Amino acid sequence: MRWRRPEPAAKSMVIYRGADGDPTVEAQLVGNGDLRLLSIRRSGVWVFSDVDTIGWWNWHTVSRADLSRLVGAGGDVLEAVRVAVAPGAEDETDDEQRVGGIFRRFEAWLIERGVRFTQDAYDEHEA
């Protein structure tokens, strides 16, 4: 787990936003060209963790070198991620299940194409 937030995205697309705006899942391209699928949850986090923890950030990162294996030359990788992960299963009845389903579909999509990814997390704390 990191001690600082990940670098900001250069470009992003919202994949899922909970009914009250929380949690969120975004497909992002970062400054170095890597692809990141990022989830941020803030609602009620302090109840389940340290008193000063106000957000859980979780993400998977794919190296820019592997993006051509996900989309053809000139293809929109963020749109490709949306198409690959957006359809939800009927049993995804709450935010936690929906976010988990999105990440499972993302992982399956990458594995089908032989693309490696890394995982990371950050606990956001009160200033």
N, C-alpha and C. Protein backbone atom coordinates (compact mmCIF):
# COMPACT_ATOMS: atom_id res chain seq x y z
N MET A 1 0.84 -1.17 0.00
CA MET A 1 0.00 0.00 0.00
C MET A 1 0.89 1.24 0.00
N ARG A 2 0.48 2.23 -0.74
CA ARG A 2 1.22 3.49 -0.83
C ARG A 2 0.89 4.42 0.33
N TRP A 3 1.81 5.35 0.57
CA TRP A 3 1.60 6.36 1.61
C TRP A 3 1.11 7.67 1.03
N ARG A 4 1.16 7.78 -0.32
CA ARG A 4 0.68 8.99 -0.99
C ARG A 4 -0.27 8.61 -2.11
N ARG A 5 -1.12 9.57 -2.49
CA ARG A 5 -2.04 9.36 -3.59
C ARG A 5 -1.27 9.04 -4.87
N PRO A 6 -1.88 8.29 -5.77
CA PRO A 6 -1.22 8.07 -7.06
C PRO A 6 -1.26 9.37 -7.86
N GLU A 7 -0.43 9.43 -8.88
CA GLU A 7 -0.40 10.63 -9.72
C GLU A 7 -1.76 10.86 -10.36
N PRO A 8 -2.09 12.12 -10.60
CA PRO A 8 -3.38 12.43 -11.24
C PRO A 8 -3.45 11.87 -12.66
N ALA A 9 -4.64 11.63 -13.12
CA ALA A 9 -4.85 11.12 -14.47
C ALA A 9 -4.70 12.25 -15.50
N ALA A 10 -4.18 11.90 -16.67
CA ALA A 10 -4.12 12.84 -17.78
C ALA A 10 -5.46 12.85 -18.52
N LYS A 11 -6.14 11.70 -18.51
CA LYS A 11 -7.43 11.55 -19.17
C LYS A 11 -8.19 10.46 -18.42
N SER A 12 -9.52 10.64 -18.26
CA SER A 12 -10.27 9.62 -17.53
C SER A 12 -11.69 9.51 -18.05
N MET A 13 -12.30 8.38 -17.71
CA MET A 13 -13.70 8.10 -18.06
C MET A 13 -14.34 7.42 -16.87
N VAL A 14 -15.47 7.96 -16.41
CA VAL A 14 -16.20 7.33 -15.31
C VAL A 14 -16.84 6.05 -15.82
N ILE A 15 -16.58 4.96 -15.13
CA ILE A 15 -17.14 3.66 -15.46
C ILE A 15 -18.36 3.38 -14.58
N TYR A 16 -18.27 3.78 -13.33
CA TYR A 16 -19.38 3.56 -12.40
C TYR A 16 -19.35 4.63 -11.32
N ARG A 17 -20.53 5.10 -10.97
CA ARG A 17 -20.68 6.04 -9.85
C ARG A 17 -21.88 5.58 -9.05
N GLY A 18 -21.69 5.36 -7.76
CA GLY A 18 -22.78 4.94 -6.89
C GLY A 18 -23.92 5.96 -6.90
N ALA A 19 -25.05 5.55 -6.41
CA ALA A 19 -26.26 6.39 -6.44
C ALA A 19 -26.03 7.75 -5.79
N ASP A 20 -25.26 7.79 -4.72
CA ASP A 20 -25.00 9.07 -4.05
C ASP A 20 -23.63 9.65 -4.44
N GLY A 21 -23.07 9.15 -5.55
CA GLY A 21 -21.78 9.64 -6.02
C GLY A 21 -20.59 8.91 -5.44
N ASP A 22 -20.84 7.94 -4.60
CA ASP A 22 -19.77 7.20 -3.94
C ASP A 22 -20.19 5.75 -3.85
N PRO A 23 -19.38 4.80 -4.20
CA PRO A 23 -18.01 4.89 -4.70
C PRO A 23 -17.97 5.25 -6.18
N THR A 24 -16.75 5.48 -6.67
CA THR A 24 -16.56 5.72 -8.09
C THR A 24 -15.54 4.72 -8.64
N VAL A 25 -15.67 4.42 -9.91
CA VAL A 25 -14.67 3.65 -10.64
C VAL A 25 -14.39 4.40 -11.92
N GLU A 26 -13.12 4.65 -12.20
CA GLU A 26 -12.72 5.36 -13.41
C GLU A 26 -11.64 4.58 -14.14
N ALA A 27 -11.72 4.58 -15.47
CA ALA A 27 -10.61 4.14 -16.32
C ALA A 27 -9.80 5.39 -16.59
N GLN A 28 -8.49 5.30 -16.41
CA GLN A 28 -7.65 6.49 -16.53
C GLN A 28 -6.38 6.19 -17.32
N LEU A 29 -5.93 7.19 -18.05
CA LEU A 29 -4.60 7.19 -18.63
C LEU A 29 -3.78 8.16 -17.80
N VAL A 30 -2.62 7.71 -17.34
CA VAL A 30 -1.76 8.57 -16.55
C VAL A 30 -0.70 9.20 -17.46
N GLY A 31 0.05 10.14 -16.92
CA GLY A 31 1.00 10.92 -17.71
C GLY A 31 2.01 10.10 -18.49
N ASN A 32 2.43 8.96 -17.97
CA ASN A 32 3.42 8.14 -18.66
C ASN A 32 2.78 7.21 -19.70
N GLY A 33 1.44 7.28 -19.84
CA GLY A 33 0.75 6.47 -20.84
C GLY A 33 0.18 5.17 -20.31
N ASP A 34 0.42 4.85 -19.05
CA ASP A 34 -0.14 3.63 -18.46
C ASP A 34 -1.65 3.78 -18.30
N LEU A 35 -2.32 2.63 -18.28
CA LEU A 35 -3.76 2.56 -18.04
C LEU A 35 -3.99 2.19 -16.59
N ARG A 36 -4.95 2.85 -15.95
CA ARG A 36 -5.27 2.55 -14.56
C ARG A 36 -6.78 2.44 -14.42
N LEU A 37 -7.24 1.42 -13.70
CA LEU A 37 -8.64 1.31 -13.30
C LEU A 37 -8.66 1.61 -11.82
N LEU A 38 -9.28 2.71 -11.43
CA LEU A 38 -9.22 3.24 -10.06
C LEU A 38 -10.60 3.27 -9.43
N SER A 39 -10.68 2.78 -8.20
CA SER A 39 -11.90 2.86 -7.41
C SER A 39 -11.60 3.67 -6.16
N ILE A 40 -12.51 4.61 -5.84
CA ILE A 40 -12.39 5.40 -4.60
C ILE A 40 -13.70 5.28 -3.85
N ARG A 41 -13.59 4.90 -2.57
CA ARG A 41 -14.77 4.83 -1.70
C ARG A 41 -14.49 5.69 -0.48
N ARG A 42 -15.43 6.59 -0.17
CA ARG A 42 -15.29 7.45 1.01
C ARG A 42 -16.44 7.26 1.99
N SER A 43 -17.61 6.96 1.50
CA SER A 43 -18.80 6.87 2.35
C SER A 43 -18.66 5.78 3.41
N GLY A 44 -18.69 6.17 4.66
CA GLY A 44 -18.67 5.23 5.77
C GLY A 44 -17.36 4.53 6.02
N VAL A 45 -16.28 4.91 5.32
CA VAL A 45 -15.00 4.22 5.48
C VAL A 45 -14.51 4.29 6.92
N TRP A 46 -14.67 5.43 7.56
CA TRP A 46 -14.16 5.61 8.93
C TRP A 46 -14.79 4.61 9.90
N VAL A 47 -15.97 4.11 9.60
CA VAL A 47 -16.64 3.14 10.48
C VAL A 47 -15.88 1.83 10.49
N PHE A 48 -15.25 1.49 9.36
CA PHE A 48 -14.60 0.19 9.22
C PHE A 48 -13.09 0.23 9.38
N SER A 49 -12.51 1.39 9.62
CA SER A 49 -11.06 1.48 9.73
C SER A 49 -10.69 2.53 10.78
N ASP A 50 -9.45 2.99 10.72
CA ASP A 50 -8.99 3.99 11.66
C ASP A 50 -9.88 5.23 11.61
N VAL A 51 -9.96 5.92 12.74
CA VAL A 51 -10.83 7.08 12.86
C VAL A 51 -10.51 8.15 11.82
N ASP A 52 -9.22 8.33 11.48
CA ASP A 52 -8.86 9.39 10.55
C ASP A 52 -8.84 8.95 9.09
N THR A 53 -9.18 7.69 8.80
CA THR A 53 -9.23 7.20 7.42
C THR A 53 -10.56 7.63 6.80
N ILE A 54 -10.47 8.37 5.69
CA ILE A 54 -11.69 8.89 5.07
C ILE A 54 -11.91 8.36 3.66
N GLY A 55 -10.97 7.56 3.15
CA GLY A 55 -11.16 7.03 1.80
C GLY A 55 -10.26 5.86 1.51
N TRP A 56 -10.79 4.91 0.75
CA TRP A 56 -10.01 3.77 0.27
C TRP A 56 -9.87 3.89 -1.23
N TRP A 57 -8.66 3.90 -1.71
CA TRP A 57 -8.35 3.95 -3.13
C TRP A 57 -7.73 2.61 -3.51
N ASN A 58 -8.24 1.98 -4.54
CA ASN A 58 -7.70 0.72 -5.05
C ASN A 58 -7.60 0.83 -6.56
N TRP A 59 -6.53 0.28 -7.13
CA TRP A 59 -6.39 0.35 -8.58
C TRP A 59 -5.54 -0.78 -9.13
N HIS A 60 -5.76 -1.02 -10.41
CA HIS A 60 -4.96 -1.93 -11.23
C HIS A 60 -4.31 -1.07 -12.30
N THR A 61 -3.06 -1.36 -12.62
CA THR A 61 -2.34 -0.61 -13.63
C THR A 61 -1.81 -1.54 -14.70
N VAL A 62 -1.95 -1.11 -15.95
CA VAL A 62 -1.44 -1.83 -17.11
C VAL A 62 -0.40 -0.93 -17.78
N SER A 63 0.76 -1.49 -18.08
CA SER A 63 1.82 -0.72 -18.74
C SER A 63 1.40 -0.26 -20.12
N ARG A 64 1.81 0.93 -20.47
CA ARG A 64 1.49 1.47 -21.80
C ARG A 64 2.01 0.56 -22.91
N ALA A 65 3.07 -0.20 -22.63
CA ALA A 65 3.63 -1.11 -23.64
C ALA A 65 2.64 -2.21 -24.01
N ASP A 66 1.69 -2.50 -23.13
CA ASP A 66 0.71 -3.57 -23.38
C ASP A 66 -0.62 -3.08 -23.95
N LEU A 67 -0.80 -1.78 -24.06
CA LEU A 67 -2.09 -1.25 -24.49
C LEU A 67 -2.45 -1.65 -25.92
N SER A 68 -1.46 -1.81 -26.77
CA SER A 68 -1.76 -2.21 -28.15
C SER A 68 -2.36 -3.61 -28.21
N ARG A 69 -2.16 -4.41 -27.17
CA ARG A 69 -2.76 -5.75 -27.12
C ARG A 69 -4.22 -5.68 -26.68
N LEU A 70 -4.64 -4.53 -26.18
CA LEU A 70 -6.03 -4.36 -25.75
C LEU A 70 -6.88 -3.69 -26.82
N VAL A 71 -6.28 -2.78 -27.57
CA VAL A 71 -6.99 -2.09 -28.65
C VAL A 71 -6.05 -1.98 -29.83
N GLY A 72 -6.60 -1.90 -31.01
CA GLY A 72 -5.78 -1.73 -32.20
C GLY A 72 -5.09 -0.38 -32.20
N ALA A 73 -4.21 -0.19 -33.14
CA ALA A 73 -3.51 1.08 -33.27
C ALA A 73 -4.52 2.21 -33.40
N GLY A 74 -4.35 3.22 -32.58
CA GLY A 74 -5.24 4.37 -32.63
C GLY A 74 -6.58 4.16 -31.95
N GLY A 75 -6.80 2.98 -31.36
CA GLY A 75 -8.06 2.71 -30.67
C GLY A 75 -8.17 3.46 -29.36
N ASP A 76 -9.38 3.68 -28.90
CA ASP A 76 -9.64 4.38 -27.65
C ASP A 76 -9.65 3.37 -26.50
N VAL A 77 -8.57 3.33 -25.75
CA VAL A 77 -8.44 2.32 -24.70
C VAL A 77 -9.44 2.54 -23.57
N LEU A 78 -9.78 3.78 -23.26
CA LEU A 78 -10.75 4.02 -22.19
C LEU A 78 -12.13 3.50 -22.59
N GLU A 79 -12.51 3.70 -23.82
CA GLU A 79 -13.78 3.18 -24.31
C GLU A 79 -13.75 1.65 -24.34
N ALA A 80 -12.62 1.08 -24.70
CA ALA A 80 -12.50 -0.39 -24.70
C ALA A 80 -12.67 -0.95 -23.29
N VAL A 81 -12.12 -0.26 -22.29
CA VAL A 81 -12.30 -0.70 -20.90
C VAL A 81 -13.78 -0.62 -20.53
N ARG A 82 -14.42 0.49 -20.86
CA ARG A 82 -15.84 0.64 -20.54
C ARG A 82 -16.66 -0.49 -21.12
N VAL A 83 -16.43 -0.81 -22.36
CA VAL A 83 -17.18 -1.88 -23.02
C VAL A 83 -16.89 -3.23 -22.35
N ALA A 84 -15.65 -3.47 -21.98
CA ALA A 84 -15.26 -4.75 -21.39
C ALA A 84 -15.82 -4.96 -19.99
N VAL A 85 -15.98 -3.89 -19.21
CA VAL A 85 -16.32 -4.07 -17.79
C VAL A 85 -17.70 -3.57 -17.39
N ALA A 86 -18.30 -2.73 -18.19
CA ALA A 86 -19.55 -2.08 -17.78
C ALA A 86 -20.73 -3.01 -17.60
N PRO A 87 -20.93 -4.04 -18.44
CA PRO A 87 -22.12 -4.87 -18.22
C PRO A 87 -22.05 -5.54 -16.84
N GLY A 88 -23.03 -5.28 -16.03
CA GLY A 88 -23.05 -5.87 -14.70
C GLY A 88 -23.93 -7.09 -14.63
N ALA A 89 -23.60 -7.98 -13.75
CA ALA A 89 -24.40 -9.17 -13.54
C ALA A 89 -25.63 -8.83 -12.72
N GLU A 90 -26.67 -9.61 -12.87
CA GLU A 90 -27.91 -9.36 -12.12
C GLU A 90 -27.70 -9.46 -10.62
N ASP A 91 -26.70 -10.24 -10.18
CA ASP A 91 -26.49 -10.39 -8.75
C ASP A 91 -25.65 -9.27 -8.14
N GLU A 92 -25.27 -8.28 -8.93
CA GLU A 92 -24.53 -7.12 -8.42
C GLU A 92 -25.56 -6.09 -7.96
N THR A 93 -26.08 -6.32 -6.76
CA THR A 93 -27.21 -5.52 -6.29
C THR A 93 -26.83 -4.33 -5.41
N ASP A 94 -25.56 -4.21 -5.05
CA ASP A 94 -25.15 -3.04 -4.28
C ASP A 94 -23.81 -2.54 -4.81
N ASP A 95 -23.37 -1.41 -4.28
CA ASP A 95 -22.15 -0.78 -4.77
C ASP A 95 -20.93 -1.68 -4.64
N GLU A 96 -20.79 -2.34 -3.50
CA GLU A 96 -19.62 -3.19 -3.28
C GLU A 96 -19.57 -4.33 -4.30
N GLN A 97 -20.70 -4.96 -4.55
CA GLN A 97 -20.76 -6.04 -5.53
C GLN A 97 -20.49 -5.51 -6.93
N ARG A 98 -21.02 -4.34 -7.27
CA ARG A 98 -20.81 -3.78 -8.60
C ARG A 98 -19.34 -3.45 -8.83
N VAL A 99 -18.71 -2.79 -7.86
CA VAL A 99 -17.29 -2.44 -8.00
C VAL A 99 -16.45 -3.71 -8.11
N GLY A 100 -16.72 -4.68 -7.26
CA GLY A 100 -15.99 -5.95 -7.33
C GLY A 100 -16.17 -6.63 -8.67
N GLY A 101 -17.39 -6.60 -9.21
CA GLY A 101 -17.65 -7.19 -10.53
C GLY A 101 -16.89 -6.49 -11.63
N ILE A 102 -16.81 -5.17 -11.56
CA ILE A 102 -16.06 -4.41 -12.56
C ILE A 102 -14.60 -4.83 -12.56
N PHE A 103 -14.02 -4.93 -11.38
CA PHE A 103 -12.60 -5.32 -11.29
C PHE A 103 -12.39 -6.76 -11.74
N ARG A 104 -13.31 -7.67 -11.42
CA ARG A 104 -13.18 -9.05 -11.88
C ARG A 104 -13.26 -9.13 -13.40
N ARG A 105 -14.18 -8.38 -14.01
CA ARG A 105 -14.29 -8.38 -15.46
C ARG A 105 -13.05 -7.76 -16.11
N PHE A 106 -12.49 -6.73 -15.49
CA PHE A 106 -11.27 -6.11 -16.00
C PHE A 106 -10.12 -7.11 -15.97
N GLU A 107 -9.96 -7.79 -14.84
CA GLU A 107 -8.91 -8.80 -14.72
C GLU A 107 -9.08 -9.90 -15.76
N ALA A 108 -10.30 -10.39 -15.93
CA ALA A 108 -10.56 -11.46 -16.91
C ALA A 108 -10.23 -10.98 -18.32
N TRP A 109 -10.60 -9.75 -18.64
CA TRP A 109 -10.33 -9.17 -19.95
C TRP A 109 -8.83 -9.12 -20.22
N LEU A 110 -8.07 -8.69 -19.21
CA LEU A 110 -6.62 -8.63 -19.35
C LEU A 110 -6.01 -10.03 -19.49
N ILE A 111 -6.45 -10.94 -18.65
CA ILE A 111 -5.91 -12.30 -18.67
C ILE A 111 -6.19 -12.97 -20.02
N GLU A 112 -7.39 -12.77 -20.56
CA GLU A 112 -7.73 -13.34 -21.88
C GLU A 112 -6.75 -12.88 -22.96
N ARG A 113 -6.21 -11.70 -22.81
CA ARG A 113 -5.31 -11.13 -23.80
C ARG A 113 -3.84 -11.29 -23.41
N GLY A 114 -3.57 -11.96 -22.31
CA GLY A 114 -2.20 -12.17 -21.86
C GLY A 114 -1.51 -10.92 -21.39
N VAL A 115 -2.29 -9.97 -20.87
CA VAL A 115 -1.75 -8.69 -20.42
C VAL A 115 -1.60 -8.71 -18.89
N ARG A 116 -0.42 -8.37 -18.45
CA ARG A 116 -0.14 -8.31 -17.00
C ARG A 116 -0.60 -6.98 -16.42
N PHE A 117 -0.86 -7.01 -15.11
CA PHE A 117 -1.25 -5.79 -14.42
C PHE A 117 -0.70 -5.84 -13.01
N THR A 118 -0.60 -4.67 -12.40
CA THR A 118 -0.21 -4.59 -11.00
C THR A 118 -1.41 -4.05 -10.22
N GLN A 119 -1.39 -4.28 -8.92
CA GLN A 119 -2.44 -3.78 -8.03
C GLN A 119 -1.81 -2.90 -6.98
N ASP A 120 -2.55 -1.90 -6.55
CA ASP A 120 -2.04 -1.03 -5.49
C ASP A 120 -3.21 -0.41 -4.74
N ALA A 121 -2.92 0.22 -3.62
CA ALA A 121 -3.96 0.82 -2.80
C ALA A 121 -3.38 1.99 -2.01
N TYR A 122 -4.28 2.84 -1.58
CA TYR A 122 -3.91 4.01 -0.78
C TYR A 122 -5.06 4.29 0.17
N ASP A 123 -4.76 4.48 1.45
CA ASP A 123 -5.77 4.89 2.42
C ASP A 123 -5.67 6.40 2.59
N GLU A 124 -6.73 7.09 2.24
CA GLU A 124 -6.77 8.54 2.36
C GLU A 124 -7.10 8.90 3.81
N HIS A 125 -6.34 9.81 4.39
CA HIS A 125 -6.55 10.23 5.78
C HIS A 125 -6.90 11.70 5.86
N GLU A 126 -7.53 12.07 6.95
CA GLU A 126 -7.86 13.47 7.17
C GLU A 126 -6.57 14.28 7.23
N ALA A 127 -6.65 15.50 6.75
CA ALA A 127 -5.45 16.37 6.73
C ALA A 127 -5.12 16.84 8.12
